[in-house]
């Protein structure tokens, strides 16, 4: 059975998750060789920072300090996903592996935030979780599309060209 979280615990978890995601995308973008992939990763990092701010606005604790300081604080290099990214960088498989890891992380966030939103009573905070779920699904779709492009798969915009009667 899953653990129930207080509102502040749920927001704290979300803040940490968004910071980890932002740091992951920033790092991946900083080493990406493919310009298109780098732009996608930079955009995702920026959107994760926006999510972080949305959660930060509802957080009453002080463990993270102020938003600007927290956003600019060093990445958690012991985060398992960040560690996998560093390994991919050393193996020169940045874009492919970063996108694969991002797909897993975004899917996990969708599940986690959906579950957390169900337990939130405050409608304004629940709305933040629900909005972030929708935006995270959009991230997933974008990453999936970029992954298909990087891998040389047929892009969804080209699919109708290949459909035959």
C-alpha atoms as a PDB file:
ATOM      1  CA  UNK A   1       0.000   0.000   0.000  1.00  0.00           C
ATOM      2  CA  UNK A   2       1.303   3.464  -0.911  1.00  0.00           C
ATOM      3  CA  UNK A   3       2.308   6.044   1.640  1.00  0.00           C
ATOM      4  CA  UNK A   4       0.032   9.024   2.173  1.00  0.00           C
ATOM      5  CA  UNK A   5       1.739  12.391   2.125  1.00  0.00           C
ATOM      6  CA  UNK A   6       0.808  15.669   3.737  1.00  0.00           C
ATOM      7  CA  UNK A   7       0.302  18.554   1.341  1.00  0.00           C
ATOM      8  CA  UNK A   8       3.693  20.057   2.207  1.00  0.00           C
ATOM      9  CA  UNK A   9       5.424  16.670   1.861  1.00  0.00           C
ATOM     10  CA  UNK A  10       3.860  16.210  -1.580  1.00  0.00           C
ATOM     11  CA  UNK A  11       4.953  19.677  -2.682  1.00  0.00           C
ATOM     12  CA  UNK A  12       8.441  19.081  -1.289  1.00  0.00           C
ATOM     13  CA  UNK A  13       8.735  15.847  -3.286  1.00  0.00           C
ATOM     14  CA  UNK A  14       7.555  17.658  -6.408  1.00  0.00           C
ATOM     15  CA  UNK A  15      10.077  20.474  -5.908  1.00  0.00           C
ATOM     16  CA  UNK A  16      12.936  17.986  -5.590  1.00  0.00           C
ATOM     17  CA  UNK A  17      11.736  16.014  -8.637  1.00  0.00           C
ATOM     18  CA  UNK A  18      11.443  19.147 -10.771  1.00  0.00           C
ATOM     19  CA  UNK A  19      14.908  20.338  -9.720  1.00  0.00           C
ATOM     20  CA  UNK A  20      16.386  16.945 -10.583  1.00  0.00           C
ATOM     21  CA  UNK A  21      14.647  16.984 -13.977  1.00  0.00           C
ATOM     22  CA  UNK A  22      15.781  20.542 -14.689  1.00  0.00           C
ATOM     23  CA  UNK A  23      19.388  19.665 -13.794  1.00  0.00           C
ATOM     24  CA  UNK A  24      19.225  16.530 -15.943  1.00  0.00           C
ATOM     25  CA  UNK A  25      18.010  18.467 -18.984  1.00  0.00           C
ATOM     26  CA  UNK A  26      20.520  21.270 -18.439  1.00  0.00           C
ATOM     27  CA  UNK A  27      23.393  18.798 -18.258  1.00  0.00           C
ATOM     28  CA  UNK A  28      22.206  16.825 -21.278  1.00  0.00           C
ATOM     29  CA  UNK A  29      21.795  20.045 -23.288  1.00  0.00           C
ATOM     30  CA  UNK A  30      25.277  21.217 -22.302  1.00  0.00           C
ATOM     31  CA  UNK A  31      26.885  18.187 -23.959  1.00  0.00           C
ATOM     32  CA  UNK A  32      24.436  17.464 -26.802  1.00  0.00           C
ATOM     33  CA  UNK A  33      26.075  17.550 -30.219  1.00  0.00           C
ATOM     34  CA  UNK A  34      22.852  17.630 -32.213  1.00  0.00           C
ATOM     35  CA  UNK A  35      21.533  21.225 -32.387  1.00  0.00           C
ATOM     36  CA  UNK A  36      17.887  20.194 -32.580  1.00  0.00           C
ATOM     37  CA  UNK A  37      18.211  17.835 -29.604  1.00  0.00           C
ATOM     38  CA  UNK A  38      20.065  20.526 -27.627  1.00  0.00           C
ATOM     39  CA  UNK A  39      17.241  23.022 -28.242  1.00  0.00           C
ATOM     40  CA  UNK A  40      14.633  20.475 -27.125  1.00  0.00           C
ATOM     41  CA  UNK A  41      16.632  19.682 -23.970  1.00  0.00           C
ATOM     42  CA  UNK A  42      17.105  23.397 -23.190  1.00  0.00           C
ATOM     43  CA  UNK A  43      13.378  24.018 -23.631  1.00  0.00           C
ATOM     44  CA  UNK A  44      12.574  21.092 -21.325  1.00  0.00           C
ATOM     45  CA  UNK A  45      14.984  22.440 -18.681  1.00  0.00           C
ATOM     46  CA  UNK A  46      13.251  25.816 -18.864  1.00  0.00           C
ATOM     47  CA  UNK A  47       9.799  24.255 -18.513  1.00  0.00           C
ATOM     48  CA  UNK A  48      10.944  22.165 -15.541  1.00  0.00           C
ATOM     49  CA  UNK A  49      12.117  25.395 -13.894  1.00  0.00           C
ATOM     50  CA  UNK A  50       8.614  26.772 -14.445  1.00  0.00           C
ATOM     51  CA  UNK A  51       7.091  23.689 -12.800  1.00  0.00           C
ATOM     52  CA  UNK A  52       9.505  24.064  -9.907  1.00  0.00           C
ATOM     53  CA  UNK A  53       8.378  27.677  -9.443  1.00  0.00           C
ATOM     54  CA  UNK A  54       4.704  26.642  -9.502  1.00  0.00           C
ATOM     55  CA  UNK A  55       5.278  24.184  -6.676  1.00  0.00           C
ATOM     56  CA  UNK A  56       7.594  26.585  -4.829  1.00  0.00           C
ATOM     57  CA  UNK A  57       4.807  29.185  -4.736  1.00  0.00           C
ATOM     58  CA  UNK A  58       2.738  26.809  -2.557  1.00  0.00           C
ATOM     59  CA  UNK A  59       5.545  25.522  -0.335  1.00  0.00           C
ATOM     60  CA  UNK A  60       5.626  26.749   3.254  1.00  0.00           C
ATOM     61  CA  UNK A  61       8.903  25.111   4.325  1.00  0.00           C
ATOM     62  CA  UNK A  62      12.361  26.629   4.378  1.00  0.00           C
ATOM     63  CA  UNK A  63      14.566  23.638   3.529  1.00  0.00           C
ATOM     64  CA  UNK A  64      15.165  24.794  -0.067  1.00  0.00           C
ATOM     65  CA  UNK A  65      15.906  28.451   0.688  1.00  0.00           C
ATOM     66  CA  UNK A  66      14.743  30.978  -1.891  1.00  0.00           C
ATOM     67  CA  UNK A  67      13.766  29.937  -5.403  1.00  0.00           C
ATOM     68  CA  UNK A  68      16.647  31.577  -7.277  1.00  0.00           C
ATOM     69  CA  UNK A  69      19.287  30.112  -4.975  1.00  0.00           C
ATOM     70  CA  UNK A  70      17.699  26.672  -5.194  1.00  0.00           C
ATOM     71  CA  UNK A  71      17.421  26.737  -8.989  1.00  0.00           C
ATOM     72  CA  UNK A  72      21.087  27.704  -9.237  1.00  0.00           C
ATOM     73  CA  UNK A  73      22.303  25.202  -6.632  1.00  0.00           C
ATOM     74  CA  UNK A  74      24.466  22.295  -7.819  1.00  0.00           C
ATOM     75  CA  UNK A  75      22.783  19.224  -9.257  1.00  0.00           C
ATOM     76  CA  UNK A  76      22.300  16.139  -7.098  1.00  0.00           C
ATOM     77  CA  UNK A  77      24.986  14.029  -8.748  1.00  0.00           C
ATOM     78  CA  UNK A  78      23.882  11.006  -6.702  1.00  0.00           C
ATOM     79  CA  UNK A  79      20.455  11.032  -8.353  1.00  0.00           C
ATOM     80  CA  UNK A  80      20.277   7.689 -10.220  1.00  0.00           C
ATOM     81  CA  UNK A  81      19.050   9.224 -13.481  1.00  0.00           C
ATOM     82  CA  UNK A  82      21.752  11.899 -13.394  1.00  0.00           C
ATOM     83  CA  UNK A  83      24.363   9.189 -12.793  1.00  0.00           C
ATOM     84  CA  UNK A  84      23.082   7.227 -15.815  1.00  0.00           C
ATOM     85  CA  UNK A  85      23.339  10.389 -17.898  1.00  0.00           C
ATOM     86  CA  UNK A  86      26.958  10.893 -16.818  1.00  0.00           C
ATOM     87  CA  UNK A  87      27.690   7.296 -17.856  1.00  0.00           C
ATOM     88  CA  UNK A  88      26.067   7.925 -21.252  1.00  0.00           C
ATOM     89  CA  UNK A  89      28.211  11.057 -21.662  1.00  0.00           C
ATOM     90  CA  UNK A  90      31.367   9.040 -21.005  1.00  0.00           C
ATOM     91  CA  UNK A  91      30.226   6.463 -23.601  1.00  0.00           C
ATOM     92  CA  UNK A  92      29.497   9.240 -26.145  1.00  0.00           C
ATOM     93  CA  UNK A  93      25.801   8.320 -26.437  1.00  0.00           C
ATOM     94  CA  UNK A  94      24.379  11.547 -25.055  1.00  0.00           C
ATOM     95  CA  UNK A  95      21.320  12.335 -27.159  1.00  0.00           C
ATOM     96  CA  UNK A  96      20.028   8.776 -27.520  1.00  0.00           C
ATOM     97  CA  UNK A  97      20.521   7.780 -23.892  1.00  0.00           C
ATOM     98  CA  UNK A  98      19.396  11.147 -22.509  1.00  0.00           C
ATOM     99  CA  UNK A  99      16.132  10.870 -24.419  1.00  0.00           C
ATOM    100  CA  UNK A 100      15.628   7.251 -23.332  1.00  0.00           C
ATOM    101  CA  UNK A 101      16.175   8.232 -19.688  1.00  0.00           C
ATOM    102  CA  UNK A 102      13.925  11.255 -20.096  1.00  0.00           C
ATOM    103  CA  UNK A 103      11.075   9.084 -21.395  1.00  0.00           C
ATOM    104  CA  UNK A 104      11.304   6.875 -18.311  1.00  0.00           C
ATOM    105  CA  UNK A 105      11.499   9.842 -15.933  1.00  0.00           C
ATOM    106  CA  UNK A 106       8.616  11.745 -17.507  1.00  0.00           C
ATOM    107  CA  UNK A 107       6.403   8.640 -17.408  1.00  0.00           C
ATOM    108  CA  UNK A 108       7.290   8.135 -13.728  1.00  0.00           C
ATOM    109  CA  UNK A 109       6.473  11.781 -12.978  1.00  0.00           C
ATOM    110  CA  UNK A 110       3.088  11.466 -14.669  1.00  0.00           C
ATOM    111  CA  UNK A 111       2.244   8.531 -12.412  1.00  0.00           C
ATOM    112  CA  UNK A 112       3.598  10.152  -9.259  1.00  0.00           C
ATOM    113  CA  UNK A 113       1.909  13.509  -9.820  1.00  0.00           C
ATOM    114  CA  UNK A 114      -1.387  11.873 -10.772  1.00  0.00           C
ATOM    115  CA  UNK A 115      -1.324   9.932  -7.515  1.00  0.00           C
ATOM    116  CA  UNK A 116      -0.301  12.969  -5.451  1.00  0.00           C
ATOM    117  CA  UNK A 117      -3.011  15.142  -7.065  1.00  0.00           C
ATOM    118  CA  UNK A 118      -5.672  12.642  -6.023  1.00  0.00           C
ATOM    119  CA  UNK A 119      -4.712  13.132  -2.371  1.00  0.00           C
ATOM    120  CA  UNK A 120      -4.591  16.927  -2.409  1.00  0.00           C
ATOM    121  CA  UNK A 121      -7.623  18.662  -0.917  1.00  0.00           C
ATOM    122  CA  UNK A 122      -6.625  22.277  -1.651  1.00  0.00           C
ATOM    123  CA  UNK A 123      -8.075  22.965  -5.139  1.00  0.00           C
ATOM    124  CA  UNK A 124      -5.377  25.482  -6.110  1.00  0.00           C
ATOM    125  CA  UNK A 125      -2.575  23.051  -5.290  1.00  0.00           C
ATOM    126  CA  UNK A 126      -4.420  20.135  -6.913  1.00  0.00           C
ATOM    127  CA  UNK A 127      -4.730  22.313 -10.019  1.00  0.00           C
ATOM    128  CA  UNK A 128      -0.936  22.796 -10.038  1.00  0.00           C
ATOM    129  CA  UNK A 129      -0.393  19.031  -9.906  1.00  0.00           C
ATOM    130  CA  UNK A 130      -3.005  18.431 -12.619  1.00  0.00           C
ATOM    131  CA  UNK A 131      -1.510  21.120 -14.874  1.00  0.00           C
ATOM    132  CA  UNK A 132       1.965  19.681 -14.412  1.00  0.00           C
ATOM    133  CA  UNK A 133       0.643  16.198 -15.302  1.00  0.00           C
ATOM    134  CA  UNK A 134      -0.663  17.574 -18.611  1.00  0.00           C
ATOM    135  CA  UNK A 135       2.554  19.459 -19.309  1.00  0.00           C
ATOM    136  CA  UNK A 136       4.624  16.402 -18.412  1.00  0.00           C
ATOM    137  CA  UNK A 137       2.576  14.318 -20.857  1.00  0.00           C
ATOM    138  CA  UNK A 138       3.367  16.943 -23.496  1.00  0.00           C
ATOM    139  CA  UNK A 139       7.061  16.614 -22.568  1.00  0.00           C
ATOM    140  CA  UNK A 140       6.813  12.851 -22.962  1.00  0.00           C
ATOM    141  CA  UNK A 141       5.250  13.233 -26.413  1.00  0.00           C
ATOM    142  CA  UNK A 142       7.912  15.753 -27.480  1.00  0.00           C
ATOM    143  CA  UNK A 143      10.753  13.555 -26.224  1.00  0.00           C
ATOM    144  CA  UNK A 144       9.257  10.533 -27.971  1.00  0.00           C
ATOM    145  CA  UNK A 145       9.110  12.499 -31.219  1.00  0.00           C
ATOM    146  CA  UNK A 146      12.683  13.748 -30.841  1.00  0.00           C
ATOM    147  CA  UNK A 147      13.863  10.219 -30.041  1.00  0.00           C
ATOM    148  CA  UNK A 148      12.248   8.957 -33.251  1.00  0.00           C
ATOM    149  CA  UNK A 149      14.026  11.723 -35.156  1.00  0.00           C
ATOM    150  CA  UNK A 150      17.434  10.989 -33.587  1.00  0.00           C
ATOM    151  CA  UNK A 151      17.021   7.265 -34.284  1.00  0.00           C
ATOM    152  CA  UNK A 152      16.090   7.913 -37.924  1.00  0.00           C
ATOM    153  CA  UNK A 153      12.584   6.552 -37.484  1.00  0.00           C
ATOM    154  CA  UNK A 154       9.671   7.862 -39.512  1.00  0.00           C
ATOM    155  CA  UNK A 155       8.554  11.096 -37.896  1.00  0.00           C
ATOM    156  CA  UNK A 156       4.806  11.528 -37.294  1.00  0.00           C
ATOM    157  CA  UNK A 157       4.752  14.485 -39.685  1.00  0.00           C
ATOM    158  CA  UNK A 158       5.998  12.154 -42.454  1.00  0.00           C
ATOM    159  CA  UNK A 159       3.712   9.214 -41.689  1.00  0.00           C
ATOM    160  CA  UNK A 160       1.004  10.126 -44.176  1.00  0.00           C
ATOM    161  CA  UNK A 161       3.618  10.002 -46.967  1.00  0.00           C
ATOM    162  CA  UNK A 162       4.224   6.329 -46.203  1.00  0.00           C
ATOM    163  CA  UNK A 163       0.593   5.266 -45.906  1.00  0.00           C
ATOM    164  CA  UNK A 164      -0.506   3.280 -48.942  1.00  0.00           C
ATOM    165  CA  UNK A 165      -3.933   2.018 -49.888  1.00  0.00           C
END
